Amino acid sequence: MKIKDKRIVVTGAASGIGLALCEEFHAGGVKSIVCVDINEDGARSIAEKVNGIAIAADVSSEKDIINVIEKANEYSGGIDIFCSNAGVGGAPMLLETTSEEWNSTWSINVMSHVHAARHVLPQMLIRGEGYLMNTASAAGLLSQIGAAQYAVTKSAAVSFAEWIKITYGQKGIGVSCLCPQAVRTAMTAQGAGVAGVDGMLEPDVVAKDVLDAIEKERFLVLPHKEVGEYVQRKGNDRDRWITGMQRLQKQYEDFYENWVRGNKGENNEN
């Protein structure tokens, strides 16, 4: 799908990848941009820069997503590309987590995509054209050391995007699924852990890759090209891949234990 003159909605627009997407879409000559974020001031700030409008929304709320779509339709006369980009890291590990934390992470990282698709697809199907861009993660393809919630919800996000493409791809609906490793955002401000093994990318680099994928209607968006190779290894020999991930898990555990001991030492000195 060509970007020029299209009507865009971006969630998680106040910072990171979402903000960069808004800037890149604006530079690409789109007709309109609706900047959505739970941080209304941040959404308004980027909306002013890209001549768009800001809408405050909690993407885990179906009611809020419906409101976003209704207001975007009023503002732009329709939606051509919906970027369901907002997401959270969730609580680390498994045994230390609660059901409430799991439900919250699931609502944001998975159900936000479901709500968006259910309520924006009808107008796209009537026109016979539309595009969904869902932000997942390389964790959705490869799992995530130390973070069960993140790994599971991002895997579900990838699976849902695949399902949409399979079901509606021959009816004029384009789908791209963004699966980066470490990107310099608020989520990685305290470090990217093992996700940073192939380097930290800037949000604008990722956003450019997304727009290229939409123009070429490429499903997987892999800003870290190494991820494609890892996925192939995983598919070729799942047991061997799991063994390798277990070694990585051990490295993570050793690093975490050393980090905890180091922090305790600093605290004792203070």
Protein backbone atom coordinates (compact mmCIF):
# COMPACT_ATOMS: atom_id res chain seq x y z
CA MET A 1 0.00 0.00 0.00
CA LYS A 2 1.32 3.43 -0.91
CA ILE A 3 1.73 5.73 2.07
CA LYS A 4 1.08 9.05 0.36
CA ASP A 5 -2.32 10.63 1.08
CA LYS A 6 -3.37 7.83 3.43
CA ARG A 7 -5.27 8.31 6.70
CA ILE A 8 -3.27 6.95 9.65
CA VAL A 9 -3.90 5.98 13.27
CA VAL A 10 -0.95 5.24 15.56
CA THR A 11 -1.31 4.02 19.15
CA GLY A 12 1.51 4.45 21.63
CA ALA A 13 2.27 7.65 19.73
CA ALA A 14 3.69 9.73 22.57
CA SER A 15 7.15 8.15 22.57
CA GLY A 16 9.50 5.57 21.15
CA ILE A 17 8.49 3.67 18.02
CA GLY A 18 5.02 5.24 17.95
CA LEU A 19 6.38 8.77 17.92
CA ALA A 20 8.88 7.85 15.22
CA LEU A 21 6.11 6.28 13.13
CA CYS A 22 4.10 9.51 13.30
CA GLU A 23 7.12 11.51 12.15
CA GLU A 24 7.91 9.12 9.29
CA PHE A 25 4.30 9.00 8.09
CA HIS A 26 4.20 12.79 8.13
CA ALA A 27 7.41 12.95 6.11
CA GLY A 28 5.88 10.45 3.68
CA GLY A 29 3.04 12.80 2.77
CA VAL A 30 0.07 11.12 4.41
CA LYS A 31 -3.29 12.87 4.47
CA SER A 32 -3.88 12.73 8.23
CA ILE A 33 -2.46 11.25 11.42
CA VAL A 34 -4.35 10.44 14.61
CA CYS A 35 -1.91 10.19 17.53
CA VAL A 36 -3.20 7.95 20.31
CA ASP A 37 -1.68 7.44 23.74
CA ILE A 38 -2.67 7.09 27.37
CA ASN A 39 -0.31 10.05 27.87
CA GLU A 40 -2.52 12.78 26.44
CA ASP A 41 0.10 15.54 26.74
CA GLY A 42 2.64 13.42 24.89
CA ALA A 43 0.11 12.57 22.18
CA ARG A 44 -0.77 16.24 21.79
CA SER A 45 2.91 17.18 21.50
CA ILE A 46 3.57 14.87 18.56
CA ALA A 47 0.19 15.66 16.99
CA GLU A 48 1.18 19.33 16.83
CA LYS A 49 4.43 18.42 15.07
CA VAL A 50 2.72 16.30 12.40
CA ASN A 51 -0.41 18.42 11.94
CA GLY A 52 -2.60 15.68 13.36
CA ILE A 53 -4.95 15.26 16.29
CA ALA A 54 -4.37 13.65 19.68
CA ILE A 55 -6.71 11.20 21.38
CA ALA A 56 -6.18 9.88 24.89
CA ALA A 57 -6.91 6.17 25.17
CA ASP A 58 -6.16 3.09 27.22
CA VAL A 59 -5.65 0.54 24.43
CA SER A 60 -6.66 -2.33 26.72
CA SER A 61 -10.16 -0.86 26.81
CA GLU A 62 -12.43 -1.86 23.93
CA LYS A 63 -14.56 1.20 24.65
CA ASP A 64 -11.53 3.47 24.24
CA ILE A 65 -10.54 1.81 20.95
CA ILE A 66 -14.07 2.25 19.60
CA ASN A 67 -13.88 5.92 20.58
CA VAL A 68 -10.52 6.29 18.77
CA ILE A 69 -11.95 4.80 15.58
CA GLU A 70 -15.09 6.94 15.73
CA LYS A 71 -13.10 10.14 16.27
CA ALA A 72 -10.60 9.21 13.55
CA ASN A 73 -13.48 8.62 11.15
CA GLU A 74 -14.96 12.01 12.03
CA TYR A 75 -11.60 13.73 11.58
CA SER A 76 -10.36 11.99 8.45
CA GLY A 77 -13.42 10.43 6.87
CA GLY A 78 -12.00 6.93 7.38
CA ILE A 79 -8.91 4.95 8.32
CA ASP A 80 -6.52 3.48 5.76
CA ILE A 81 -3.71 2.29 8.05
CA PHE A 82 -4.13 1.40 11.71
CA CYS A 83 -0.86 0.95 13.61
CA SER A 84 -1.63 -0.94 16.81
CA ASN A 85 1.70 -0.16 18.38
CA ALA A 86 1.22 0.34 22.14
CA GLY A 87 2.61 -2.33 24.44
CA VAL A 88 4.14 -3.04 27.84
CA GLY A 89 6.94 -5.22 29.17
CA GLY A 90 4.91 -6.81 31.94
CA ALA A 91 6.22 -8.23 35.19
CA PRO A 92 9.39 -10.38 34.97
CA MET A 93 9.68 -14.12 35.57
CA LEU A 94 6.70 -16.38 36.41
CA LEU A 95 6.45 -17.57 40.01
CA GLU A 96 6.73 -14.00 41.28
CA THR A 97 3.84 -12.73 39.14
CA THR A 98 0.13 -12.40 39.88
CA SER A 99 -2.96 -13.21 37.84
CA GLU A 100 -3.83 -9.50 37.82
CA GLU A 101 -0.44 -8.69 36.24
CA TRP A 102 -0.97 -11.38 33.62
CA ASN A 103 -4.43 -10.07 32.77
CA SER A 104 -3.16 -6.51 32.47
CA THR A 105 -0.27 -7.46 30.17
CA TRP A 106 -2.55 -9.67 28.07
CA SER A 107 -5.10 -6.87 27.71
CA ILE A 108 -2.52 -4.39 26.43
CA ASN A 109 -0.24 -6.63 24.35
CA VAL A 110 -2.90 -8.85 22.78
CA MET A 111 -6.46 -7.61 23.22
CA SER A 112 -5.56 -4.11 22.01
CA HIS A 113 -4.83 -5.67 18.60
CA VAL A 114 -8.04 -7.70 18.73
CA HIS A 115 -10.16 -4.66 19.62
CA ALA A 116 -8.59 -2.59 16.84
CA ALA A 117 -9.08 -5.27 14.20
CA ARG A 118 -12.66 -6.07 15.17
CA HIS A 119 -13.74 -2.44 14.95
CA VAL A 120 -11.65 -1.06 12.06
CA LEU A 121 -11.83 -4.01 9.66
CA PRO A 122 -15.51 -3.57 8.70
CA GLN A 123 -14.92 -0.22 7.00
CA MET A 124 -11.79 -1.53 5.29
CA LEU A 125 -13.59 -4.61 3.97
CA ILE A 126 -16.39 -2.42 2.58
CA ARG A 127 -13.79 -0.36 0.68
CA GLY A 128 -11.86 -3.49 -0.29
CA GLU A 129 -8.65 -1.93 1.03
CA GLY A 130 -6.94 -1.29 4.34
CA TYR A 131 -3.83 -2.03 6.35
CA LEU A 132 -3.10 -3.20 9.89
CA MET A 133 0.37 -2.83 11.38
CA ASN A 134 0.72 -4.63 14.71
CA THR A 135 3.78 -4.15 16.88
CA ALA A 136 4.88 -7.40 18.52
CA SER A 137 8.53 -8.26 19.22
CA ALA A 138 11.29 -10.68 18.34
CA ALA A 139 10.21 -12.25 21.63
CA GLY A 140 7.02 -13.25 19.87
CA LEU A 141 9.07 -15.35 17.47
CA LEU A 142 11.89 -16.49 19.76
CA SER A 143 10.61 -16.21 23.37
CA GLN A 144 12.11 -13.90 25.99
CA ILE A 145 14.56 -14.91 28.69
CA GLY A 146 13.33 -13.92 32.15
CA ALA A 147 9.90 -12.61 31.11
CA ALA A 148 7.07 -15.10 30.69
CA GLN A 149 4.35 -12.47 30.29
CA TYR A 150 6.21 -10.65 27.56
CA ALA A 151 7.15 -13.82 25.67
CA VAL A 152 3.66 -15.31 25.75
CA THR A 153 1.71 -12.16 24.91
CA LYS A 154 4.02 -11.15 22.08
CA SER A 155 3.81 -14.67 20.65
CA ALA A 156 0.02 -14.36 20.72
CA ALA A 157 0.27 -10.96 19.00
CA VAL A 158 2.28 -12.48 16.15
CA SER A 159 -0.17 -15.36 15.84
CA PHE A 160 -3.14 -12.99 15.71
CA ALA A 161 -1.52 -10.88 13.00
CA GLU A 162 -0.86 -14.05 10.98
CA TRP A 163 -4.49 -15.09 11.37
CA ILE A 164 -5.73 -11.72 10.11
CA LYS A 165 -3.42 -11.93 7.09
CA ILE A 166 -4.51 -15.49 6.30
CA THR A 167 -8.20 -14.71 6.69
CA TYR A 168 -8.47 -11.28 5.08
CA GLY A 169 -5.31 -10.93 2.99
CA GLN A 170 -7.13 -11.88 -0.22
CA LYS A 171 -9.87 -9.38 0.54
CA GLY A 172 -7.68 -6.30 0.24
CA ILE A 173 -6.37 -6.19 3.81
CA GLY A 174 -2.64 -5.79 4.24
CA VAL A 175 -0.94 -6.83 7.48
CA SER A 176 2.55 -6.24 8.82
CA CYS A 177 3.88 -7.45 12.15
CA LEU A 178 6.82 -5.58 13.68
CA CYS A 179 9.24 -7.86 15.57
CA PRO A 180 12.36 -5.96 16.65
CA GLN A 181 14.83 -6.82 19.35
CA ALA A 182 16.14 -3.93 21.46
CA VAL A 183 14.97 -0.45 20.48
CA ARG A 184 15.92 2.71 22.37
CA THR A 185 12.62 3.43 24.12
CA ALA A 186 11.35 3.92 27.67
CA MET A 187 11.00 0.14 27.93
CA THR A 188 14.76 -0.33 27.48
CA ALA A 189 15.87 2.71 29.48
CA GLN A 190 17.23 0.46 32.24
CA GLY A 191 18.89 -1.87 29.76
CA ALA A 192 17.72 -4.38 27.19
CA GLY A 193 19.18 -7.53 28.76
CA VAL A 194 19.64 -10.42 26.36
CA ALA A 195 17.38 -8.66 23.83
CA GLY A 196 20.28 -6.29 23.17
CA VAL A 197 22.61 -9.02 21.92
CA ASP A 198 22.41 -7.71 18.34
CA GLY A 199 22.53 -4.05 19.22
CA MET A 200 20.14 -1.27 20.17
CA LEU A 201 18.32 0.42 17.27
CA GLU A 202 16.96 3.95 17.25
CA PRO A 203 13.16 4.29 16.84
CA ASP A 204 13.46 6.19 13.56
CA VAL A 205 15.38 3.28 11.99
CA VAL A 206 12.59 0.92 13.02
CA ALA A 207 9.88 3.29 11.77
CA LYS A 208 11.52 3.55 8.33
CA ASP A 209 11.56 -0.24 8.12
CA VAL A 210 7.85 -0.34 8.99
CA LEU A 211 6.92 2.11 6.25
CA ASP A 212 8.99 0.15 3.75
CA ALA A 213 7.19 -3.05 4.78
CA ILE A 214 3.79 -1.41 4.34
CA GLU A 215 4.71 -0.09 0.91
CA LYS A 216 5.91 -3.56 -0.13
CA GLU A 217 3.16 -5.36 1.85
CA ARG A 218 5.72 -7.48 3.68
CA PHE A 219 4.31 -9.35 6.67
CA LEU A 220 7.28 -9.67 9.03
CA VAL A 221 9.18 -6.50 9.82
CA LEU A 222 12.58 -7.49 11.21
CA PRO A 223 14.74 -4.40 11.84
CA HIS A 224 17.32 -6.74 13.39
CA LYS A 225 18.00 -8.97 10.39
CA GLU A 226 19.58 -11.64 12.60
CA VAL A 227 16.12 -12.51 13.91
CA GLY A 228 15.20 -14.12 10.60
CA GLU A 229 18.15 -16.47 10.89
CA TYR A 230 17.27 -17.34 14.49
CA VAL A 231 13.71 -18.18 13.45
CA GLN A 232 15.04 -20.54 10.78
CA ARG A 233 17.28 -22.29 13.31
CA LYS A 234 14.35 -22.67 15.68
CA GLY A 235 12.19 -24.17 12.95
CA ASN A 236 14.90 -26.56 11.76
CA ASP A 237 15.62 -28.12 15.15
CA ARG A 238 13.40 -27.05 18.05
CA ASP A 239 15.18 -29.19 20.65
CA ARG A 240 18.60 -27.84 19.75
CA TRP A 241 17.26 -24.30 19.80
CA ILE A 242 15.73 -24.82 23.27
CA THR A 243 19.06 -26.18 24.54
CA GLY A 244 20.76 -23.03 23.27
CA MET A 245 18.14 -20.85 24.96
CA GLN A 246 18.68 -22.76 28.21
CA ARG A 247 22.38 -21.84 28.07
CA LEU A 248 21.33 -18.23 27.53
CA GLN A 249 18.96 -18.52 30.49
CA LYS A 250 21.85 -19.68 32.69
CA GLN A 251 23.91 -16.67 31.60
CA TYR A 252 20.98 -14.41 32.45
CA GLU A 253 20.61 -15.98 35.90
CA ASP A 254 24.34 -15.58 36.63
CA PHE A 255 24.27 -11.96 35.47
CA TYR A 256 21.19 -11.20 37.58
CA GLU A 257 22.68 -12.77 40.71
CA ASN A 258 25.91 -10.80 40.28
CA TRP A 259 23.91 -7.61 39.70
CA VAL A 260 21.88 -8.17 42.90
CA ARG A 261 25.02 -8.85 44.93
CA GLY A 262 26.67 -5.74 43.52
CA ASN A 263 23.68 -3.55 44.37
CA LYS A 264 23.51 -4.95 47.89
CA GLY A 265 27.18 -4.11 48.33
CA GLU A 266 26.59 -0.53 47.16
CA ASN A 267 23.62 -0.15 49.48
CA ASN A 268 25.65 -1.46 52.46
CA GLU A 269 28.39 1.07 51.74
CA ASN A 270 25.85 3.90 51.67
